[in-house]
Protein backbone atom coordinates (compact mmCIF):
# COMPACT_ATOMS: atom_id res chain seq x y z
CA MET A 1 27.04 -7.40 -2.86
CA THR A 2 24.73 -6.53 0.05
CA THR A 3 21.18 -5.26 -0.53
CA ILE A 4 19.64 -2.79 1.92
CA LEU A 5 16.02 -1.79 1.36
CA LYS A 6 14.86 1.50 2.85
CA ASN A 7 11.66 3.47 2.32
CA VAL A 8 12.30 7.19 1.97
CA VAL A 9 10.41 10.38 1.13
CA ILE A 10 11.63 12.60 -1.68
CA THR A 11 11.19 16.22 -0.63
CA SER A 12 9.56 18.91 -2.75
CA ASN A 13 12.99 20.21 -3.81
CA HIS A 14 13.68 16.75 -5.30
CA LYS A 15 16.55 16.00 -2.92
CA LEU A 16 17.14 12.67 -1.27
CA HIS A 17 19.33 12.30 1.80
CA LEU A 18 20.16 8.79 2.98
CA ASP A 19 21.20 7.77 6.46
CA LEU A 20 21.75 4.01 6.39
CA ASP A 21 22.89 1.62 9.06
CA VAL A 22 25.36 -0.76 7.40
CA PRO A 23 25.84 -4.25 8.85
CA ALA A 24 28.86 -4.42 11.17
CA GLU A 25 30.41 -7.25 9.17
CA PHE A 26 30.60 -5.03 6.08
CA PRO A 27 34.20 -3.88 5.49
CA VAL A 28 35.10 -0.27 6.25
CA GLY A 29 36.42 1.81 3.36
CA ALA A 30 35.44 2.87 -0.13
CA THR A 31 32.40 1.25 -1.69
CA VAL A 32 30.05 1.77 -4.61
CA VAL A 33 26.39 2.53 -3.87
CA THR A 34 23.65 1.96 -6.43
CA VAL A 35 20.30 3.66 -5.84
CA MET A 36 17.16 2.32 -7.51
CA LEU A 37 14.04 4.44 -7.10
CA THR A 38 10.60 2.88 -7.39
CA PRO A 39 7.69 5.28 -6.81
CA THR A 40 4.94 3.89 -4.60
CA GLU A 41 1.38 4.17 -5.80
CA THR A 42 -0.95 6.27 -3.74
CA PRO A 43 -4.64 5.45 -3.87
CA ASP A 44 -6.95 8.01 -5.42
CA ASN A 45 -9.37 8.19 -2.48
CA ASP A 46 -11.36 11.10 -3.92
CA LYS A 47 -12.10 9.14 -7.09
CA ALA A 48 -13.11 6.05 -5.12
CA ILE A 49 -15.43 8.08 -2.87
CA GLU A 50 -17.05 9.73 -5.91
CA CYS A 51 -17.69 6.30 -7.50
CA LEU A 52 -19.29 5.03 -4.28
CA ARG A 53 -21.50 8.13 -4.09
CA LYS A 54 -22.68 7.60 -7.67
CA LEU A 55 -23.41 3.94 -6.92
CA SER A 56 -25.37 4.96 -3.84
CA GLN A 57 -27.38 7.53 -5.80
CA LEU A 58 -28.32 4.79 -8.26
CA GLY A 59 -29.76 2.78 -5.39
CA GLY A 60 -26.85 0.39 -4.90
CA VAL A 61 -26.04 -2.74 -6.87
CA PRO A 62 -29.23 -3.85 -8.61
CA SER A 63 -28.31 -7.54 -8.47
CA ILE A 64 -28.29 -7.38 -4.65
CA PRO A 65 -31.84 -6.69 -3.50
CA ASN A 66 -31.14 -7.24 0.21
CA PRO A 67 -27.53 -6.38 1.23
CA ASP A 68 -27.89 -7.83 4.75
CA GLU A 69 -29.04 -11.20 3.45
CA TRP A 70 -26.40 -11.17 0.68
CA GLN A 71 -23.61 -10.55 3.21
CA ARG A 72 -24.77 -13.45 5.39
CA GLU A 73 -24.84 -15.74 2.34
CA ILE A 74 -21.32 -14.91 1.15
CA ARG A 75 -19.66 -14.58 4.56
CA GLN A 76 -16.92 -17.13 5.10
CA ASP A 77 -16.25 -17.19 8.81
CA LYS A 78 -13.11 -18.89 10.02
CA GLU A 79 -13.45 -21.48 12.74
CA LEU A 80 -12.40 -20.22 16.13
CA PRO A 81 -9.95 -22.30 18.13
CA ARG A 82 -11.57 -24.59 20.75
């Protein structure tokens, strides 16, 4: 069995057309193809933006009085080569 992974887009008419390049060493002739569909998750950007706006309207995170200072404290810079 050979596994080929390909990302595709299912169209609005719920049709899926596959055009796959099969490895040259795979024998020519009849074969069985199994398709497994796994939907990808899309981020809900509108919801995330709304949450950030609400947080901003509340004045930010109350446990962080000075964001600039807090960022400098938690920053973990990687050493540069040389």
